[in-house]
PDB file of N, CA and C in Angstrom:
ATOM      1  N   MET A   1       0.846  -1.136   0.030  1.00  0.00           N
ATOM      2  CA  MET A   1       0.018  -0.043   0.004  1.00  0.00           C
ATOM      3  C   MET A   1       0.843   1.234  -0.023  1.00  0.00           C
ATOM      4  N   GLY A   2       0.637   2.119  -0.910  1.00  0.00           N
ATOM      5  CA  GLY A   2       1.443   3.406  -1.026  1.00  0.00           C
ATOM      6  C   GLY A   2       1.006   4.433   0.001  1.00  0.00           C
ATOM      7  N   ARG A   3       1.939   5.242   0.331  1.00  0.00           N
ATOM      8  CA  ARG A   3       1.618   6.400   1.293  1.00  0.00           C
ATOM      9  C   ARG A   3       1.381   7.662   0.500  1.00  0.00           C
ATOM     10  N   ARG A   4       0.309   8.335   0.853  1.00  0.00           N
ATOM     11  CA  ARG A   4       0.054   9.621   0.129  1.00  0.00           C
ATOM     12  C   ARG A   4       0.552  10.707   1.101  1.00  0.00           C
ATOM     13  N   VAL A   5       1.390  11.585   0.554  1.00  0.00           N
ATOM     14  CA  VAL A   5       1.975  12.691   1.249  1.00  0.00           C
ATOM     15  C   VAL A   5       1.369  13.949   0.672  1.00  0.00           C
ATOM     16  N   PRO A   6       0.639  14.716   1.484  1.00  0.00           N
ATOM     17  CA  PRO A   6       0.161  15.982   0.964  1.00  0.00           C
ATOM     18  C   PRO A   6       1.242  16.888   0.643  1.00  0.00           C
ATOM     19  N   GLU A   7       1.169  17.431  -0.608  1.00  0.00           N
ATOM     20  CA  GLU A   7       2.220  18.441  -1.016  1.00  0.00           C
ATOM     21  C   GLU A   7       1.546  19.434  -1.918  1.00  0.00           C
ATOM     22  N   LEU A   8       2.096  20.616  -1.906  1.00  0.00           N
ATOM     23  CA  LEU A   8       1.581  21.761  -2.725  1.00  0.00           C
ATOM     24  C   LEU A   8       2.623  21.991  -3.783  1.00  0.00           C
ATOM     25  N   VAL A   9       2.177  22.049  -5.027  1.00  0.00           N
ATOM     26  CA  VAL A   9       3.040  22.376  -6.140  1.00  0.00           C
ATOM     27  C   VAL A   9       2.509  23.586  -6.899  1.00  0.00           C
ATOM     28  N   MET A  10       3.353  24.323  -7.548  1.00  0.00           N
ATOM     29  CA  MET A  10       2.885  25.381  -8.442  1.00  0.00           C
ATOM     30  C   MET A  10       3.559  25.238  -9.792  1.00  0.00           C
ATOM     31  N   ASP A  11       2.829  25.712 -10.783  1.00  0.00           N
ATOM     32  CA  ASP A  11       3.301  25.648 -12.157  1.00  0.00           C
ATOM     33  C   ASP A  11       4.127  26.842 -12.444  1.00  0.00           C
ATOM     34  N   VAL A  12       5.407  26.642 -12.733  1.00  0.00           N
ATOM     35  CA  VAL A  12       6.309  27.704 -13.192  1.00  0.00           C
ATOM     36  C   VAL A  12       6.808  27.402 -14.564  1.00  0.00           C
ATOM     37  N   ASP A  13       6.340  28.208 -15.549  1.00  0.00           N
ATOM     38  CA  ASP A  13       6.763  28.021 -16.914  1.00  0.00           C
ATOM     39  C   ASP A  13       6.559  26.570 -17.426  1.00  0.00           C
ATOM     40  N   GLY A  14       5.405  25.949 -17.024  1.00  0.00           N
ATOM     41  CA  GLY A  14       5.051  24.561 -17.482  1.00  0.00           C
ATOM     42  C   GLY A  14       5.764  23.541 -16.693  1.00  0.00           C
ATOM     43  N   LYS A  15       6.486  23.825 -15.675  1.00  0.00           N
ATOM     44  CA  LYS A  15       7.218  22.899 -14.783  1.00  0.00           C
ATOM     45  C   LYS A  15       6.638  22.981 -13.410  1.00  0.00           C
ATOM     46  N   GLU A  16       6.292  21.796 -12.864  1.00  0.00           N
ATOM     47  CA  GLU A  16       5.748  21.738 -11.473  1.00  0.00           C
ATOM     48  C   GLU A  16       6.934  21.888 -10.472  1.00  0.00           C
ATOM     49  N   THR A  17       6.679  22.833  -9.559  1.00  0.00           N
ATOM     50  CA  THR A  17       7.737  23.092  -8.536  1.00  0.00           C
ATOM     51  C   THR A  17       7.129  22.847  -7.148  1.00  0.00           C
ATOM     52  N   ARG A  18       7.736  22.006  -6.320  1.00  0.00           N
ATOM     53  CA  ARG A  18       7.192  21.767  -4.955  1.00  0.00           C
ATOM     54  C   ARG A  18       7.364  22.984  -4.135  1.00  0.00           C
ATOM     55  N   VAL A  19       6.271  23.418  -3.487  1.00  0.00           N
ATOM     56  CA  VAL A  19       6.245  24.588  -2.635  1.00  0.00           C
ATOM     57  C   VAL A  19       6.277  24.178  -1.166  1.00  0.00           C
ATOM     58  N   ALA A  20       5.506  23.091  -0.805  1.00  0.00           N
ATOM     59  CA  ALA A  20       5.424  22.714   0.563  1.00  0.00           C
ATOM     60  C   ALA A  20       5.034  21.264   0.626  1.00  0.00           C
ATOM     61  N   VAL A  21       5.435  20.577   1.675  1.00  0.00           N
ATOM     62  CA  VAL A  21       5.111  19.165   1.966  1.00  0.00           C
ATOM     63  C   VAL A  21       4.738  19.015   3.422  1.00  0.00           C
ATOM     64  N   TYR A  22       3.659  18.301   3.636  1.00  0.00           N
ATOM     65  CA  TYR A  22       3.211  18.021   5.018  1.00  0.00           C
ATOM     66  C   TYR A  22       3.687  16.639   5.470  1.00  0.00           C
ATOM     67  N   HIS A  23       4.382  16.566   6.517  1.00  0.00           N
ATOM     68  CA  HIS A  23       4.871  15.260   7.036  1.00  0.00           C
ATOM     69  C   HIS A  23       4.046  14.885   8.275  1.00  0.00           C
ATOM     70  N   ARG A  24       3.281  13.786   8.225  1.00  0.00           N
ATOM     71  CA  ARG A  24       2.493  13.308   9.375  1.00  0.00           C
ATOM     72  C   ARG A  24       3.436  12.847  10.460  1.00  0.00           C
ATOM     73  N   ARG A  25       2.902  12.820  11.655  1.00  0.00           N
ATOM     74  CA  ARG A  25       3.790  12.412  12.755  1.00  0.00           C
ATOM     75  C   ARG A  25       4.039  10.885  12.619  1.00  0.00           C
ATOM     76  N   ARG A  26       5.156  10.474  13.253  1.00  0.00           N
ATOM     77  CA  ARG A  26       5.530   9.052  13.301  1.00  0.00           C
ATOM     78  C   ARG A  26       5.556   8.710  14.767  1.00  0.00           C
ATOM     79  N   LEU A  27       5.002   7.539  15.033  1.00  0.00           N
ATOM     80  CA  LEU A  27       4.925   7.079  16.467  1.00  0.00           C
ATOM     81  C   LEU A  27       6.228   6.499  16.975  1.00  0.00           C
ATOM     82  N   GLY A  28       7.098   6.086  16.098  1.00  0.00           N
ATOM     83  CA  GLY A  28       8.410   5.503  16.511  1.00  0.00           C
ATOM     84  C   GLY A  28       8.306   3.996  16.672  1.00  0.00           C
ATOM     85  N   VAL A  29       7.380   3.329  16.095  1.00  0.00           N
ATOM     86  CA  VAL A  29       7.294   1.859  16.224  1.00  0.00           C
ATOM     87  C   VAL A  29       8.365   1.187  15.286  1.00  0.00           C
ATOM     88  N   VAL A  30       8.361   1.538  14.022  1.00  0.00           N
ATOM     89  CA  VAL A  30       9.329   0.995  13.102  1.00  0.00           C
ATOM     90  C   VAL A  30      10.471   1.932  12.828  1.00  0.00           C
ATOM     91  N   THR A  31      10.186   3.256  12.762  1.00  0.00           N
ATOM     92  CA  THR A  31      11.228   4.270  12.554  1.00  0.00           C
ATOM     93  C   THR A  31      11.250   5.184  13.741  1.00  0.00           C
ATOM     94  N   ASP A  32      12.134   6.177  13.683  1.00  0.00           N
ATOM     95  CA  ASP A  32      12.258   7.119  14.804  1.00  0.00           C
ATOM     96  C   ASP A  32      10.921   7.950  14.944  1.00  0.00           C
ATOM     97  N   ALA A  33      10.521   8.245  16.153  1.00  0.00           N
ATOM     98  CA  ALA A  33       9.334   9.080  16.359  1.00  0.00           C
ATOM     99  C   ALA A  33       9.640  10.469  15.889  1.00  0.00           C
ATOM    100  N   ARG A  34       8.577  11.160  15.386  1.00  0.00           N
ATOM    101  CA  ARG A  34       8.730  12.483  14.878  1.00  0.00           C
ATOM    102  C   ARG A  34       7.457  13.181  14.920  1.00  0.00           C
ATOM    103  N   PRO A  35       7.395  14.410  15.391  1.00  0.00           N
ATOM    104  CA  PRO A  35       6.082  15.165  15.363  1.00  0.00           C
ATOM    105  C   PRO A  35       5.712  15.538  13.917  1.00  0.00           C
ATOM    106  N   ALA A  36       4.435  15.923  13.699  1.00  0.00           N
ATOM    107  CA  ALA A  36       4.049  16.369  12.392  1.00  0.00           C
ATOM    108  C   ALA A  36       4.761  17.724  12.049  1.00  0.00           C
ATOM    109  N   SER A  37       4.928  17.930  10.811  1.00  0.00           N
ATOM    110  CA  SER A  37       5.583  19.224  10.424  1.00  0.00           C
ATOM    111  C   SER A  37       5.186  19.596   8.987  1.00  0.00           C
ATOM    112  N   LEU A  38       5.311  20.822   8.739  1.00  0.00           N
ATOM    113  CA  LEU A  38       5.002  21.411   7.400  1.00  0.00           C
ATOM    114  C   LEU A  38       6.303  21.976   6.885  1.00  0.00           C
ATOM    115  N   GLU A  39       6.830  21.394   5.803  1.00  0.00           N
ATOM    116  CA  GLU A  39       8.088  21.846   5.244  1.00  0.00           C
ATOM    117  C   GLU A  39       7.777  22.793   4.119  1.00  0.00           C
ATOM    118  N   ILE A  40       8.192  24.028   4.185  1.00  0.00           N
ATOM    119  CA  ILE A  40       7.930  25.004   3.179  1.00  0.00           C
ATOM    120  C   ILE A  40       9.290  25.389   2.504  1.00  0.00           C
ATOM    121  N   PHE A  41       9.277  25.252   1.193  1.00  0.00           N
ATOM    122  CA  PHE A  41      10.495  25.467   0.391  1.00  0.00           C
ATOM    123  C   PHE A  41      10.636  26.961   0.041  1.00  0.00           C
ATOM    124  N   PRO A  42      11.794  27.393  -0.315  1.00  0.00           N
ATOM    125  CA  PRO A  42      12.002  28.849  -0.574  1.00  0.00           C
ATOM    126  C   PRO A  42      11.009  29.389  -1.665  1.00  0.00           C
ATOM    127  N   GLU A  43      10.634  28.550  -2.625  1.00  0.00           N
ATOM    128  CA  GLU A  43       9.703  29.022  -3.689  1.00  0.00           C
ATOM    129  C   GLU A  43       8.404  29.391  -3.100  1.00  0.00           C
ATOM    130  N   GLY A  44       8.032  28.981  -1.904  1.00  0.00           N
ATOM    131  CA  GLY A  44       6.696  29.286  -1.328  1.00  0.00           C
ATOM    132  C   GLY A  44       6.747  30.302  -0.230  1.00  0.00           C
ATOM    133  N   GLU A  45       7.898  30.850   0.061  1.00  0.00           N
ATOM    134  CA  GLU A  45       8.021  31.813   1.170  1.00  0.00           C
ATOM    135  C   GLU A  45       7.172  33.087   0.983  1.00  0.00           C
ATOM    136  N   HIS A  46       6.920  33.457  -0.298  1.00  0.00           N
ATOM    137  CA  HIS A  46       6.202  34.687  -0.519  1.00  0.00           C
ATOM    138  C   HIS A  46       4.680  34.537  -0.259  1.00  0.00           C
ATOM    139  N   MET A  47       4.271  33.256  -0.066  1.00  0.00           N
ATOM    140  CA  MET A  47       2.822  32.999   0.162  1.00  0.00           C
ATOM    141  C   MET A  47       2.637  32.083   1.361  1.00  0.00           C
ATOM    142  N   LEU A  48       3.427  32.368   2.438  1.00  0.00           N
ATOM    143  CA  LEU A  48       3.394  31.575   3.588  1.00  0.00           C
ATOM    144  C   LEU A  48       2.054  31.410   4.275  1.00  0.00           C
ATOM    145  N   ASP A  49       1.320  32.484   4.402  1.00  0.00           N
ATOM    146  CA  ASP A  49      -0.045  32.434   5.076  1.00  0.00           C
ATOM    147  C   ASP A  49      -0.982  31.541   4.274  1.00  0.00           C
ATOM    148  N   LEU A  50      -0.995  31.653   2.968  1.00  0.00           N
ATOM    149  CA  LEU A  50      -1.834  30.895   2.094  1.00  0.00           C
ATOM    150  C   LEU A  50      -1.516  29.392   2.217  1.00  0.00           C
ATOM    151  N   ILE A  51      -0.248  29.082   2.240  1.00  0.00           N
ATOM    152  CA  ILE A  51       0.198  27.690   2.384  1.00  0.00           C
ATOM    153  C   ILE A  51      -0.273  27.056   3.729  1.00  0.00           C
ATOM    154  N   VAL A  52      -0.061  27.782   4.798  1.00  0.00           N
ATOM    155  CA  VAL A  52      -0.465  27.220   6.126  1.00  0.00           C
ATOM    156  C   VAL A  52      -2.033  27.050   6.180  1.00  0.00           C
ATOM    157  N   VAL A  53      -2.762  28.046   5.703  1.00  0.00           N
ATOM    158  CA  VAL A  53      -4.218  27.879   5.731  1.00  0.00           C
ATOM    159  C   VAL A  53      -4.693  26.762   4.856  1.00  0.00           C
ATOM    160  N   THR A  54      -4.047  26.552   3.749  1.00  0.00           N
ATOM    161  CA  THR A  54      -4.430  25.505   2.828  1.00  0.00           C
ATOM    162  C   THR A  54      -4.171  24.154   3.477  1.00  0.00           C
ATOM    163  N   PHE A  55      -3.028  23.936   4.091  1.00  0.00           N
ATOM    164  CA  PHE A  55      -2.746  22.665   4.707  1.00  0.00           C
ATOM    165  C   PHE A  55      -3.622  22.423   5.932  1.00  0.00           C
ATOM    166  N   VAL A  56      -3.949  23.414   6.703  1.00  0.00           N
ATOM    167  CA  VAL A  56      -4.889  23.266   7.831  1.00  0.00           C
ATOM    168  C   VAL A  56      -6.244  22.764   7.299  1.00  0.00           C
ATOM    169  N   TYR A  57      -6.681  23.363   6.169  1.00  0.00           N
ATOM    170  CA  TYR A  57      -7.960  22.980   5.577  1.00  0.00           C
ATOM    171  C   TYR A  57      -7.903  21.536   5.048  1.00  0.00           C
ATOM    172  N   ILE A  58      -6.882  21.169   4.318  1.00  0.00           N
ATOM    173  CA  ILE A  58      -6.861  19.801   3.839  1.00  0.00           C
ATOM    174  C   ILE A  58      -6.705  18.770   4.979  1.00  0.00           C
ATOM    175  N   GLU A  59      -6.030  19.115   6.007  1.00  0.00           N
ATOM    176  CA  GLU A  59      -6.010  18.240   7.158  1.00  0.00           C
ATOM    177  C   GLU A  59      -7.328  18.060   7.821  1.00  0.00           C
ATOM    178  N   LYS A  60      -8.085  19.145   7.912  1.00  0.00           N
ATOM    179  CA  LYS A  60      -9.431  19.054   8.456  1.00  0.00           C
ATOM    180  C   LYS A  60     -10.334  18.130   7.572  1.00  0.00           C
ATOM    181  N   LEU A  61     -10.239  18.320   6.271  1.00  0.00           N
ATOM    182  CA  LEU A  61     -10.987  17.404   5.328  1.00  0.00           C
ATOM    183  C   LEU A  61     -10.599  15.945   5.533  1.00  0.00           C
ATOM    184  N   ARG A  62      -9.311  15.710   5.700  1.00  0.00           N
ATOM    185  CA  ARG A  62      -8.832  14.362   5.892  1.00  0.00           C
ATOM    186  C   ARG A  62      -9.404  13.754   7.197  1.00  0.00           C
ATOM    187  N   LYS A  63      -9.352  14.502   8.233  1.00  0.00           N
ATOM    188  CA  LYS A  63      -9.920  14.002   9.508  1.00  0.00           C
ATOM    189  C   LYS A  63     -11.399  13.810   9.435  1.00  0.00           C
ATOM    190  N   ASP A  64     -12.130  14.718   8.804  1.00  0.00           N
ATOM    191  CA  ASP A  64     -13.601  14.570   8.633  1.00  0.00           C
ATOM    192  C   ASP A  64     -13.852  13.318   7.881  1.00  0.00           C
ATOM    193  N   ARG A  65     -13.157  13.083   6.797  1.00  0.00           N
ATOM    194  CA  ARG A  65     -13.417  11.824   6.001  1.00  0.00           C
ATOM    195  C   ARG A  65     -13.053  10.594   6.814  1.00  0.00           C
ATOM    196  N   GLU A  66     -12.000  10.619   7.565  1.00  0.00           N
ATOM    197  CA  GLU A  66     -11.626   9.509   8.444  1.00  0.00           C
ATOM    198  C   GLU A  66     -12.678   9.228   9.478  1.00  0.00           C
ATOM    199  N   ASN A  67     -13.245  10.294  10.140  1.00  0.00           N
ATOM    200  CA  ASN A  67     -14.265  10.142  11.094  1.00  0.00           C
ATOM    201  C   ASN A  67     -15.537   9.549  10.478  1.00  0.00           C
ATOM    202  N   GLN A  68     -15.865   9.956   9.300  1.00  0.00           N
ATOM    203  CA  GLN A  68     -17.055   9.447   8.594  1.00  0.00           C
ATOM    204  C   GLN A  68     -16.908   7.886   8.365  1.00  0.00           C
ATOM    205  N   ALA A  69     -15.707   7.546   7.990  1.00  0.00           N
ATOM    206  CA  ALA A  69     -15.434   6.138   7.701  1.00  0.00           C
ATOM    207  C   ALA A  69     -15.528   5.307   8.970  1.00  0.00           C
ATOM    208  N   LYS A  70     -15.073   5.846  10.102  1.00  0.00           N
ATOM    209  CA  LYS A  70     -15.173   5.160  11.388  1.00  0.00           C
ATOM    210  C   LYS A  70     -16.635   5.008  11.812  1.00  0.00           C
ATOM    211  N   LYS A  71     -17.452   6.035  11.586  1.00  0.00           N
ATOM    212  CA  LYS A  71     -18.881   5.943  11.893  1.00  0.00           C
ATOM    213  C   LYS A  71     -19.567   4.918  11.136  1.00  0.00           C
ATOM    214  N   LYS A  72     -19.271   4.752   9.834  1.00  0.00           N
ATOM    215  CA  LYS A  72     -19.899   3.779   8.993  1.00  0.00           C
ATOM    216  C   LYS A  72     -19.528   2.354   9.452  1.00  0.00           C
ATOM    217  N   ILE A  73     -18.272   2.178   9.868  1.00  0.00           N
ATOM    218  CA  ILE A  73     -17.840   0.884  10.362  1.00  0.00           C
ATOM    219  C   ILE A  73     -18.536   0.586  11.697  1.00  0.00           C
ATOM    220  N   MET A  74     -18.672   1.524  12.613  1.00  0.00           N
ATOM    221  CA  MET A  74     -19.212   1.321  13.904  1.00  0.00           C
ATOM    222  C   MET A  74     -20.756   1.240  13.954  1.00  0.00           C
ATOM    223  N   LYS A  75     -21.439   1.770  12.935  1.00  0.00           N
ATOM    224  CA  LYS A  75     -22.916   1.847  12.899  1.00  0.00           C
ATOM    225  C   LYS A  75     -23.565   0.469  13.157  1.00  0.00           C
ATOM    226  N   PRO A  76     -23.161  -0.556  12.477  1.00  0.00           N
ATOM    227  CA  PRO A  76     -23.853  -1.872  12.709  1.00  0.00           C
ATOM    228  C   PRO A  76     -23.669  -2.404  14.116  1.00  0.00           C
ATOM    229  N   TYR A  77     -22.710  -1.890  14.875  1.00  0.00           N
ATOM    230  CA  TYR A  77     -22.450  -2.392  16.253  1.00  0.00           C
ATOM    231  C   TYR A  77     -23.090  -1.497  17.270  1.00  0.00           C
ATOM    232  N   SER A  78     -23.686  -0.423  16.898  1.00  0.00           N
ATOM    233  CA  SER A  78     -24.322   0.473  17.868  1.00  0.00           C
ATOM    234  C   SER A  78     -25.686  -0.124  18.280  1.00  0.00           C
ATOM    235  N   ARG A  79     -26.249   0.369  19.392  1.00  0.00           N
ATOM    236  CA  ARG A  79     -27.465  -0.149  19.877  1.00  0.00           C
ATOM    237  C   ARG A  79     -28.634   0.067  18.999  1.00  0.00           C
ATOM    238  N   HIS A  80     -28.585   1.250  18.269  1.00  0.00           N
ATOM    239  CA  HIS A  80     -29.687   1.645  17.427  1.00  0.00           C
ATOM    240  C   HIS A  80     -29.415   1.379  15.951  1.00  0.00           C
ATOM    241  N   GLY A  81     -28.317   0.689  15.685  1.00  0.00           N
ATOM    242  CA  GLY A  81     -28.000   0.502  14.294  1.00  0.00           C
ATOM    243  C   GLY A  81     -28.414  -0.870  13.757  1.00  0.00           C
ATOM    244  N   GLY A  82     -29.081  -1.641  14.528  1.00  0.00           N
ATOM    245  CA  GLY A  82     -29.551  -3.013  14.130  1.00  0.00           C
ATOM    246  C   GLY A  82     -30.662  -2.993  13.134  1.00  0.00           C
ATOM    247  N   PRO A  83     -30.990  -4.141  12.594  1.00  0.00           N
ATOM    248  CA  PRO A  83     -32.112  -4.249  11.578  1.00  0.00           C
ATOM    249  C   PRO A  83     -33.459  -3.992  12.115  1.00  0.00           C
TER     250      PRO A  83
END
């Protein structure tokens, strides 16, 4: 299974340039533990506020989607979710 890493790219003269990458936290089970971080490259420094707001928004969408999936899984096991 592949890992999806949220990243922001911009088109500069027909070439995609990475502006920022979000690194999710690591718990340290297989690799070293690491807190979540947002790496912003020099090409994105002029739009720092926009990058931070964008990544906060996509992280909220990801968590909302994750919570909806958990609710669907748990619904058959709830007291009111039976046939």
